[in-house]
Amino acid sequence: MANEAKPCPCDIGDKLEYEGLGQEVSIEHIKAYINKPALSTDKAVIVIHDIFGWQLSNTRYIADMLAAHGYMETDVALKYLKQQCNVKKIGVIGFCWGGAAVHHLMLRYAELKAGVSIYGVIKFSEDNYSLLNPTFFIFGEKDDIIPLDQVTVLEQKLKQQCKVDFEVKVYRGQTHGFVHRKKEDINPQDKPYIEEARKDMLNWLNKYI
């Protein structure tokens, strides 16, 4: 079973003292973190942070992991991606509060070709499940913030209303924030599920973007 010292451990990621490989940028009134892969690409993934904000080292770690797999990452507006980065294929992922935001965006922006909601707080999501493009929902079995009965209802409503590909997956024994968990806080029995969730995220993006 996953271990952590906080009730909402979204701030304990894979690297505790992590500076990031990208750079901070300012676009109009928005400040963000952006990382571009070594090779040119027309694909990007918007990363929506959790309550701890875009400067959290753990969020930057995930962003850099995406860039290493060939995605340009940033949490600025779609306009910036298209005009300044020459991006044509865009996906979005989000953690906790950001996961609920992914649900919201996938209902409204057809240009977002794929979404991944990672322990998105269901009570913050809208009661609308007609997603425009494929969306993957990641949850932990032992998440005290998102009870499994809420996850069951979410999946039932998606089956009733959603006309595009979706998946709801629960990772055994995992708690809120498990995808962010730093190495020293990972129990041996949890590591396979954390690695599986990250691989599943990348596979979903690779399939639809």
Protein backbone atom coordinates (compact mmCIF):
# COMPACT_ATOMS: atom_id res chain seq x y z
CA MET A 1 0.00 0.00 0.00
CA ALA A 2 1.25 3.47 -0.86
CA ASN A 3 2.75 5.54 1.91
CA GLU A 4 2.89 9.29 2.40
CA ALA A 5 2.94 11.78 5.24
CA LYS A 6 0.25 14.15 3.94
CA PRO A 7 -3.50 13.73 3.32
CA CYS A 8 -3.16 15.33 -0.14
CA PRO A 9 0.36 14.32 -1.24
CA CYS A 10 0.35 15.81 -4.73
CA ASP A 11 3.61 17.60 -3.95
CA ILE A 12 5.82 14.55 -3.43
CA GLY A 13 7.09 13.62 -6.85
CA ASP A 14 9.78 11.45 -8.31
CA LYS A 15 12.52 14.01 -7.64
CA LEU A 16 12.49 16.16 -4.51
CA GLU A 17 15.07 18.74 -5.55
CA TYR A 18 14.24 19.06 -9.22
CA GLU A 19 15.03 22.24 -11.12
CA GLY A 20 13.59 21.20 -14.47
CA LEU A 21 15.04 21.02 -17.94
CA GLY A 22 12.76 23.61 -19.54
CA GLN A 23 12.30 27.32 -19.04
CA GLU A 24 9.81 29.75 -17.57
CA VAL A 25 8.01 32.00 -20.05
CA SER A 26 5.54 34.87 -19.93
CA ILE A 27 2.74 35.12 -22.47
CA GLU A 28 0.67 38.23 -21.94
CA HIS A 29 -0.49 37.93 -18.30
CA ILE A 30 0.27 34.21 -18.07
CA LYS A 31 3.42 32.70 -16.58
CA ALA A 32 4.22 29.13 -17.49
CA TYR A 33 6.84 26.45 -17.82
CA ILE A 34 7.75 25.10 -21.25
CA ASN A 35 10.02 22.34 -22.43
CA LYS A 36 10.69 21.41 -26.05
CA PRO A 37 11.97 17.99 -27.13
CA ALA A 38 15.35 17.63 -28.79
CA LEU A 39 13.80 16.87 -32.18
CA SER A 40 11.32 19.14 -33.95
CA THR A 41 7.68 18.17 -33.46
CA ASP A 42 4.19 19.43 -34.24
CA LYS A 43 2.73 17.77 -31.14
CA ALA A 44 2.21 19.32 -27.72
CA VAL A 45 0.70 18.40 -24.37
CA ILE A 46 -0.80 21.00 -22.07
CA VAL A 47 -0.14 20.13 -18.42
CA ILE A 48 -2.66 21.49 -15.91
CA HIS A 49 -1.19 21.56 -12.43
CA ASP A 50 -2.83 20.73 -9.15
CA ILE A 51 -3.38 23.03 -6.17
CA PHE A 52 0.38 23.37 -5.62
CA GLY A 53 0.81 25.34 -8.85
CA TRP A 54 2.86 25.18 -12.02
CA GLN A 55 6.14 25.88 -10.21
CA LEU A 56 5.97 22.58 -8.33
CA SER A 57 9.07 20.54 -9.16
CA ASN A 58 6.98 17.36 -9.48
CA THR A 59 4.83 18.86 -12.21
CA ARG A 60 7.96 19.98 -14.04
CA TYR A 61 9.32 16.46 -13.76
CA ILE A 62 6.23 15.06 -15.51
CA ALA A 63 6.46 17.83 -18.12
CA ASP A 64 10.08 16.98 -18.82
CA MET A 65 9.20 13.30 -19.06
CA LEU A 66 6.66 14.16 -21.75
CA ALA A 67 9.22 16.25 -23.63
CA ALA A 68 11.65 13.36 -23.51
CA HIS A 69 9.03 11.29 -25.32
CA GLY A 70 8.67 13.80 -28.13
CA TYR A 71 5.97 16.17 -26.88
CA MET A 72 6.27 19.90 -26.53
CA GLU A 73 4.81 20.73 -23.12
CA THR A 74 3.43 23.95 -21.75
CA ASP A 75 0.46 25.19 -19.79
CA VAL A 76 -0.10 28.35 -21.80
CA ALA A 77 -2.97 29.06 -24.17
CA LEU A 78 -3.72 27.08 -27.29
CA LYS A 79 -3.10 30.23 -29.30
CA TYR A 80 0.52 30.36 -28.16
CA LEU A 81 1.09 26.73 -29.06
CA LYS A 82 -0.31 27.18 -32.54
CA GLN A 83 1.21 30.56 -33.39
CA GLN A 84 4.54 30.51 -31.62
CA CYS A 85 5.36 26.78 -31.55
CA ASN A 86 3.83 25.67 -34.86
CA VAL A 87 1.90 22.93 -33.09
CA LYS A 88 -0.84 21.07 -34.94
CA LYS A 89 -1.67 18.17 -32.60
CA ILE A 90 -2.48 18.99 -28.98
CA GLY A 91 -3.37 16.89 -25.95
CA VAL A 92 -3.97 17.76 -22.32
CA ILE A 93 -3.26 16.10 -18.97
CA GLY A 94 -4.09 17.29 -15.48
CA PHE A 95 -3.57 16.29 -11.86
CA CYS A 96 -6.14 16.51 -9.04
CA TRP A 97 -7.89 19.86 -9.61
CA GLY A 98 -6.22 19.89 -13.01
CA GLY A 99 -7.72 16.48 -13.73
CA ALA A 100 -11.19 17.94 -13.25
CA ALA A 101 -10.16 20.76 -15.59
CA VAL A 102 -9.25 18.16 -18.24
CA HIS A 103 -12.82 16.85 -18.07
CA HIS A 104 -14.10 20.40 -18.57
CA LEU A 105 -11.81 21.12 -21.52
CA MET A 106 -12.53 17.84 -23.29
CA LEU A 107 -16.20 18.86 -23.40
CA ARG A 108 -15.44 22.13 -25.21
CA TYR A 109 -12.27 22.06 -27.32
CA ALA A 110 -12.31 19.69 -30.27
CA GLU A 111 -8.70 20.66 -31.08
CA LEU A 112 -7.61 18.77 -27.96
CA LYS A 113 -7.13 15.36 -29.55
CA ALA A 114 -6.62 13.42 -26.31
CA GLY A 115 -6.99 13.98 -22.59
CA VAL A 116 -5.65 12.25 -19.48
CA SER A 117 -7.27 13.07 -16.14
CA ILE A 118 -5.01 11.88 -13.31
CA TYR A 119 -6.89 11.55 -10.03
CA GLY A 120 -9.16 14.38 -11.15
CA VAL A 121 -11.44 15.28 -8.25
CA ILE A 122 -14.84 14.09 -9.47
CA LYS A 123 -16.88 16.44 -7.28
CA PHE A 124 -15.30 19.36 -9.16
CA SER A 125 -16.30 17.93 -12.57
CA GLU A 126 -19.43 18.87 -14.48
CA ASP A 127 -22.42 16.57 -14.82
CA ASN A 128 -21.76 16.23 -18.54
CA TYR A 129 -19.96 13.28 -20.09
CA SER A 130 -20.27 13.94 -23.84
CA LEU A 131 -16.52 14.21 -24.35
CA LEU A 132 -15.35 15.41 -27.77
CA ASN A 133 -12.21 13.28 -28.03
CA PRO A 134 -10.65 10.24 -26.32
CA THR A 135 -10.03 10.69 -22.60
CA PHE A 136 -8.30 8.43 -20.07
CA PHE A 137 -9.12 8.62 -16.35
CA ILE A 138 -6.55 7.43 -13.79
CA PHE A 139 -7.50 6.77 -10.15
CA GLY A 140 -5.98 5.14 -7.08
CA GLU A 141 -7.88 2.39 -5.28
CA LYS A 142 -7.09 3.84 -1.83
CA ASP A 143 -7.66 7.52 -2.67
CA ASP A 144 -9.30 9.13 0.37
CA ILE A 145 -10.23 12.20 -1.67
CA ILE A 146 -11.96 10.32 -4.50
CA PRO A 147 -14.06 7.39 -3.19
CA LEU A 148 -14.43 4.39 -5.49
CA ASP A 149 -18.22 4.78 -5.58
CA GLN A 150 -17.71 8.14 -7.31
CA VAL A 151 -15.41 6.46 -9.84
CA THR A 152 -18.09 3.82 -10.49
CA VAL A 153 -20.73 6.49 -11.15
CA LEU A 154 -18.32 8.37 -13.44
CA GLU A 155 -17.74 5.23 -15.53
CA GLN A 156 -21.46 4.47 -15.71
CA LYS A 157 -22.29 7.97 -16.94
CA LEU A 158 -19.49 7.87 -19.50
CA LYS A 159 -20.89 4.59 -20.84
CA GLN A 160 -24.31 6.22 -21.14
CA GLN A 161 -23.29 9.54 -22.71
CA CYS A 162 -19.80 9.40 -24.20
CA LYS A 163 -19.57 8.64 -27.94
CA VAL A 164 -15.75 8.63 -28.19
CA ASP A 165 -13.11 6.30 -26.81
CA PHE A 166 -12.54 6.51 -23.07
CA GLU A 167 -11.07 4.42 -20.29
CA VAL A 168 -11.39 4.54 -16.52
CA LYS A 169 -8.62 2.66 -14.72
CA VAL A 170 -8.09 2.13 -10.99
CA TYR A 171 -4.58 1.23 -9.80
CA ARG A 172 -4.53 -1.25 -6.93
CA GLY A 173 -3.42 0.01 -3.53
CA GLN A 174 -2.62 3.52 -4.74
CA THR A 175 -3.53 6.76 -2.98
CA HIS A 176 -4.00 10.33 -4.14
CA GLY A 177 -0.87 11.73 -5.76
CA PHE A 178 0.71 8.35 -6.53
CA VAL A 179 1.86 9.30 -10.04
CA HIS A 180 3.86 12.18 -8.50
CA ARG A 181 5.49 10.12 -5.78
CA LYS A 182 9.24 10.63 -5.31
CA LYS A 183 11.57 7.66 -5.25
CA GLU A 184 12.27 7.63 -1.51
CA ASP A 185 8.52 7.54 -0.78
CA ILE A 186 7.81 4.58 -3.05
CA ASN A 187 7.23 1.22 -1.41
CA PRO A 188 8.48 -1.69 -3.54
CA GLN A 189 4.95 -2.99 -4.00
CA ASP A 190 3.78 0.38 -5.32
CA LYS A 191 6.49 0.92 -7.91
CA PRO A 192 4.95 -1.30 -10.63
CA TYR A 193 1.64 0.58 -10.42
CA ILE A 194 3.30 4.00 -10.56
CA GLU A 195 5.35 2.95 -13.57
CA GLU A 196 2.27 1.40 -15.17
CA ALA A 197 0.25 4.60 -14.76
CA ARG A 198 2.97 6.72 -16.36
CA LYS A 199 3.31 4.25 -19.22
CA ASP A 200 -0.47 4.18 -19.69
CA MET A 201 -0.52 7.98 -19.86
CA LEU A 202 2.14 8.04 -22.57
CA ASN A 203 0.51 5.21 -24.51
CA TRP A 204 -2.81 7.04 -24.55
CA LEU A 205 -1.20 10.24 -25.83
CA ASN A 206 0.82 8.34 -28.43
CA LYS A 207 -2.30 6.55 -29.67
CA TYR A 208 -4.44 9.63 -30.23
CA ILE A 209 -2.08 12.55 -30.90
